[in-house]
Amino acid sequence: MWVVVASLVLAFLGLLATRTAVANLATGAHARDPHVYWVLGVVALLPAWLVPFVALMGSVPTGRIHLGWAVPWALSSTTALIGAIVSEATVRRGAEASSPRSPAQCWRLGLGWFSPAWLIALLGYALR
């Protein structure tokens, strides 16, 4: 149960810290690349995702793959990869548009990358 609590605490702290950083960077005098805000969104949930993701593998190596951890582990990593590709393409498309996305929108797109993957890993750990 400590894995779920630690992950939730890390998610809260990551969201709070990166949202503050986005607000501070957005008030700067010069324009920044939208990918800066996108990466801050990704970094917000990365530690929270890693805790259940690594915990899914267990602490003792075995000769057999257990579906109880293998399926959520594979789904979580696949979701993170697909989310990274889709959200980065969206940020890039928005940067090339005549009216670029706001820093908060880019940050939310970064969160969108890890949110589903984090939830899959968290639920997979909690239900195994």
C-alpha atoms as a PDB file:
ATOM      1  CA  MET A   1       0.000   0.000   0.000  1.00  0.00           C
ATOM      2  CA  TRP A   2       2.958   2.317   0.544  1.00  0.00           C
ATOM      3  CA  VAL A   3       3.575   2.286  -3.219  1.00  0.00           C
ATOM      4  CA  VAL A   4       0.155   3.803  -3.945  1.00  0.00           C
ATOM      5  CA  VAL A   5       0.538   6.449  -1.224  1.00  0.00           C
ATOM      6  CA  ALA A   6       4.076   7.343  -2.315  1.00  0.00           C
ATOM      7  CA  SER A   7       2.956   7.609  -5.919  1.00  0.00           C
ATOM      8  CA  LEU A   8       0.037   9.879  -5.047  1.00  0.00           C
ATOM      9  CA  VAL A   9       2.258  12.121  -2.914  1.00  0.00           C
ATOM     10  CA  LEU A  10       4.854  12.347  -5.692  1.00  0.00           C
ATOM     11  CA  ALA A  11       2.129  13.180  -8.209  1.00  0.00           C
ATOM     12  CA  PHE A  12       0.781  15.978  -6.013  1.00  0.00           C
ATOM     13  CA  LEU A  13       4.244  17.427  -5.404  1.00  0.00           C
ATOM     14  CA  GLY A  14       5.177  17.131  -9.072  1.00  0.00           C
ATOM     15  CA  LEU A  15       1.986  18.851 -10.211  1.00  0.00           C
ATOM     16  CA  LEU A  16       2.440  21.634  -7.689  1.00  0.00           C
ATOM     17  CA  ALA A  17       6.120  22.227  -8.490  1.00  0.00           C
ATOM     18  CA  THR A  18       5.819  22.139 -12.271  1.00  0.00           C
ATOM     19  CA  ARG A  19       2.665  24.252 -12.369  1.00  0.00           C
ATOM     20  CA  THR A  20       4.486  26.893 -10.342  1.00  0.00           C
ATOM     21  CA  ALA A  21       7.458  26.648 -12.698  1.00  0.00           C
ATOM     22  CA  VAL A  22       5.192  27.073 -15.742  1.00  0.00           C
ATOM     23  CA  ALA A  23       3.603  30.163 -14.209  1.00  0.00           C
ATOM     24  CA  ASN A  24       7.023  31.655 -13.422  1.00  0.00           C
ATOM     25  CA  LEU A  25       8.454  30.880 -16.862  1.00  0.00           C
ATOM     26  CA  ALA A  26       5.378  32.173 -18.669  1.00  0.00           C
ATOM     27  CA  THR A  27       5.749  35.588 -17.044  1.00  0.00           C
ATOM     28  CA  GLY A  28       9.268  35.950 -18.480  1.00  0.00           C
ATOM     29  CA  ALA A  29      10.095  38.714 -20.912  1.00  0.00           C
ATOM     30  CA  HIS A  30      10.997  36.501 -23.860  1.00  0.00           C
ATOM     31  CA  ALA A  31       9.051  33.708 -25.527  1.00  0.00           C
ATOM     32  CA  ARG A  32      10.122  30.138 -24.856  1.00  0.00           C
ATOM     33  CA  ASP A  33       9.789  27.045 -26.968  1.00  0.00           C
ATOM     34  CA  PRO A  34       6.443  25.333 -26.205  1.00  0.00           C
ATOM     35  CA  HIS A  35       8.378  22.106 -25.626  1.00  0.00           C
ATOM     36  CA  VAL A  36       9.745  23.602 -22.389  1.00  0.00           C
ATOM     37  CA  TYR A  37       6.246  23.667 -20.914  1.00  0.00           C
ATOM     38  CA  TRP A  38       5.432  20.267 -22.406  1.00  0.00           C
ATOM     39  CA  VAL A  39       8.488  18.689 -20.753  1.00  0.00           C
ATOM     40  CA  LEU A  40       7.488  20.236 -17.423  1.00  0.00           C
ATOM     41  CA  GLY A  41       4.149  18.478 -17.758  1.00  0.00           C
ATOM     42  CA  VAL A  42       5.921  15.192 -18.439  1.00  0.00           C
ATOM     43  CA  VAL A  43       8.297  15.624 -15.513  1.00  0.00           C
ATOM     44  CA  ALA A  44       5.363  16.341 -13.189  1.00  0.00           C
ATOM     45  CA  LEU A  45       4.194  12.728 -13.223  1.00  0.00           C
ATOM     46  CA  LEU A  46       7.385  10.866 -14.134  1.00  0.00           C
ATOM     47  CA  PRO A  47       8.462  10.060 -10.536  1.00  0.00           C
ATOM     48  CA  ALA A  48       4.887   9.158  -9.589  1.00  0.00           C
ATOM     49  CA  TRP A  49       4.743   6.773 -12.560  1.00  0.00           C
ATOM     50  CA  LEU A  50       8.114   5.172 -11.878  1.00  0.00           C
ATOM     51  CA  VAL A  51       7.193   4.053  -8.347  1.00  0.00           C
ATOM     52  CA  PRO A  52       4.333   1.673  -9.298  1.00  0.00           C
ATOM     53  CA  PHE A  53       5.954   0.847 -12.643  1.00  0.00           C
ATOM     54  CA  VAL A  54       9.067  -0.542 -10.973  1.00  0.00           C
ATOM     55  CA  ALA A  55       7.065  -2.056  -8.105  1.00  0.00           C
ATOM     56  CA  LEU A  56       5.027  -4.066 -10.629  1.00  0.00           C
ATOM     57  CA  MET A  57       8.115  -6.121 -11.431  1.00  0.00           C
ATOM     58  CA  GLY A  58       8.437  -7.344  -7.858  1.00  0.00           C
ATOM     59  CA  SER A  59      11.565  -7.698  -5.788  1.00  0.00           C
ATOM     60  CA  VAL A  60      12.424 -11.326  -6.473  1.00  0.00           C
ATOM     61  CA  PRO A  61      13.432 -12.458  -9.965  1.00  0.00           C
ATOM     62  CA  THR A  62      11.606 -15.540 -11.150  1.00  0.00           C
ATOM     63  CA  GLY A  63      11.965 -17.824 -14.111  1.00  0.00           C
ATOM     64  CA  ARG A  64       8.375 -17.295 -15.242  1.00  0.00           C
ATOM     65  CA  ILE A  65       6.578 -14.188 -16.316  1.00  0.00           C
ATOM     66  CA  HIS A  66       3.523 -13.542 -14.161  1.00  0.00           C
ATOM     67  CA  LEU A  67       0.600 -12.025 -16.012  1.00  0.00           C
ATOM     68  CA  GLY A  68      -0.401 -10.174 -12.847  1.00  0.00           C
ATOM     69  CA  TRP A  69       2.454  -7.722 -13.368  1.00  0.00           C
ATOM     70  CA  ALA A  70       3.455  -8.283 -16.983  1.00  0.00           C
ATOM     71  CA  VAL A  71       0.214  -7.081 -18.578  1.00  0.00           C
ATOM     72  CA  PRO A  72      -0.104  -3.768 -16.690  1.00  0.00           C
ATOM     73  CA  TRP A  73       3.657  -3.211 -17.015  1.00  0.00           C
ATOM     74  CA  ALA A  74       3.535  -3.656 -20.800  1.00  0.00           C
ATOM     75  CA  LEU A  75       0.338  -1.625 -21.161  1.00  0.00           C
ATOM     76  CA  SER A  76       1.748   1.191 -19.065  1.00  0.00           C
ATOM     77  CA  SER A  77       5.000   1.425 -20.994  1.00  0.00           C
ATOM     78  CA  THR A  78       3.181   1.223 -24.326  1.00  0.00           C
ATOM     79  CA  THR A  79       0.725   3.911 -23.277  1.00  0.00           C
ATOM     80  CA  ALA A  80       3.591   6.179 -22.197  1.00  0.00           C
ATOM     81  CA  LEU A  81       5.338   5.736 -25.542  1.00  0.00           C
ATOM     82  CA  ILE A  82       2.221   6.332 -27.629  1.00  0.00           C
ATOM     83  CA  GLY A  83       1.300   9.313 -25.464  1.00  0.00           C
ATOM     84  CA  ALA A  84       4.753  10.809 -25.928  1.00  0.00           C
ATOM     85  CA  ILE A  85       4.538  10.542 -29.698  1.00  0.00           C
ATOM     86  CA  VAL A  86       1.012  11.922 -29.962  1.00  0.00           C
ATOM     87  CA  SER A  87       1.403  14.767 -27.468  1.00  0.00           C
ATOM     88  CA  GLU A  88       4.764  15.908 -28.866  1.00  0.00           C
ATOM     89  CA  ALA A  89       3.327  15.948 -32.379  1.00  0.00           C
ATOM     90  CA  THR A  90       0.435  18.042 -31.092  1.00  0.00           C
ATOM     91  CA  VAL A  91       2.809  20.513 -29.437  1.00  0.00           C
ATOM     92  CA  ARG A  92       4.919  20.713 -32.603  1.00  0.00           C
ATOM     93  CA  ARG A  93       1.842  21.284 -34.760  1.00  0.00           C
ATOM     94  CA  GLY A  94       0.671  24.007 -32.389  1.00  0.00           C
ATOM     95  CA  ALA A  95       4.088  25.710 -32.447  1.00  0.00           C
ATOM     96  CA  GLU A  96       3.956  25.901 -36.242  1.00  0.00           C
ATOM     97  CA  ALA A  97       0.426  27.338 -36.255  1.00  0.00           C
ATOM     98  CA  SER A  98      -0.334  31.029 -36.559  1.00  0.00           C
ATOM     99  CA  SER A  99      -1.693  31.152 -33.001  1.00  0.00           C
ATOM    100  CA  PRO A 100       0.514  28.961 -30.775  1.00  0.00           C
ATOM    101  CA  ARG A 101      -0.786  27.160 -27.715  1.00  0.00           C
ATOM    102  CA  SER A 102      -0.532  28.803 -24.310  1.00  0.00           C
ATOM    103  CA  PRO A 103       2.076  27.563 -21.810  1.00  0.00           C
ATOM    104  CA  ALA A 104      -0.684  26.016 -19.673  1.00  0.00           C
ATOM    105  CA  GLN A 105      -2.035  24.084 -22.667  1.00  0.00           C
ATOM    106  CA  CYS A 106       1.428  22.725 -23.485  1.00  0.00           C
ATOM    107  CA  TRP A 107       1.893  21.739 -19.837  1.00  0.00           C
ATOM    108  CA  ARG A 108      -1.435  19.888 -19.879  1.00  0.00           C
ATOM    109  CA  LEU A 109      -0.392  18.055 -23.052  1.00  0.00           C
ATOM    110  CA  GLY A 110       2.720  16.869 -21.206  1.00  0.00           C
ATOM    111  CA  LEU A 111       0.531  15.675 -18.360  1.00  0.00           C
ATOM    112  CA  GLY A 112      -1.574  13.852 -20.907  1.00  0.00           C
ATOM    113  CA  TRP A 113       1.485  11.811 -21.843  1.00  0.00           C
ATOM    114  CA  PHE A 114       1.930  10.249 -18.438  1.00  0.00           C
ATOM    115  CA  SER A 115      -1.537  10.379 -16.913  1.00  0.00           C
ATOM    116  CA  PRO A 116      -2.920   7.231 -18.578  1.00  0.00           C
ATOM    117  CA  ALA A 117       0.356   5.330 -18.180  1.00  0.00           C
ATOM    118  CA  TRP A 118       0.577   6.316 -14.517  1.00  0.00           C
ATOM    119  CA  LEU A 119      -3.021   5.254 -13.846  1.00  0.00           C
ATOM    120  CA  ILE A 120      -2.486   1.883 -15.559  1.00  0.00           C
ATOM    121  CA  ALA A 121       0.645   1.212 -13.491  1.00  0.00           C
ATOM    122  CA  LEU A 122      -1.076   2.347 -10.296  1.00  0.00           C
ATOM    123  CA  LEU A 123      -4.188   0.248 -10.892  1.00  0.00           C
ATOM    124  CA  GLY A 124      -2.097  -2.719 -12.021  1.00  0.00           C
ATOM    125  CA  TYR A 125      -0.113  -2.593  -8.806  1.00  0.00           C
ATOM    126  CA  ALA A 126      -3.175  -2.089  -6.611  1.00  0.00           C
ATOM    127  CA  LEU A 127      -5.107  -4.969  -8.220  1.00  0.00           C
ATOM    128  CA  ARG A 128      -2.325  -7.529  -8.418  1.00  0.00           C
END
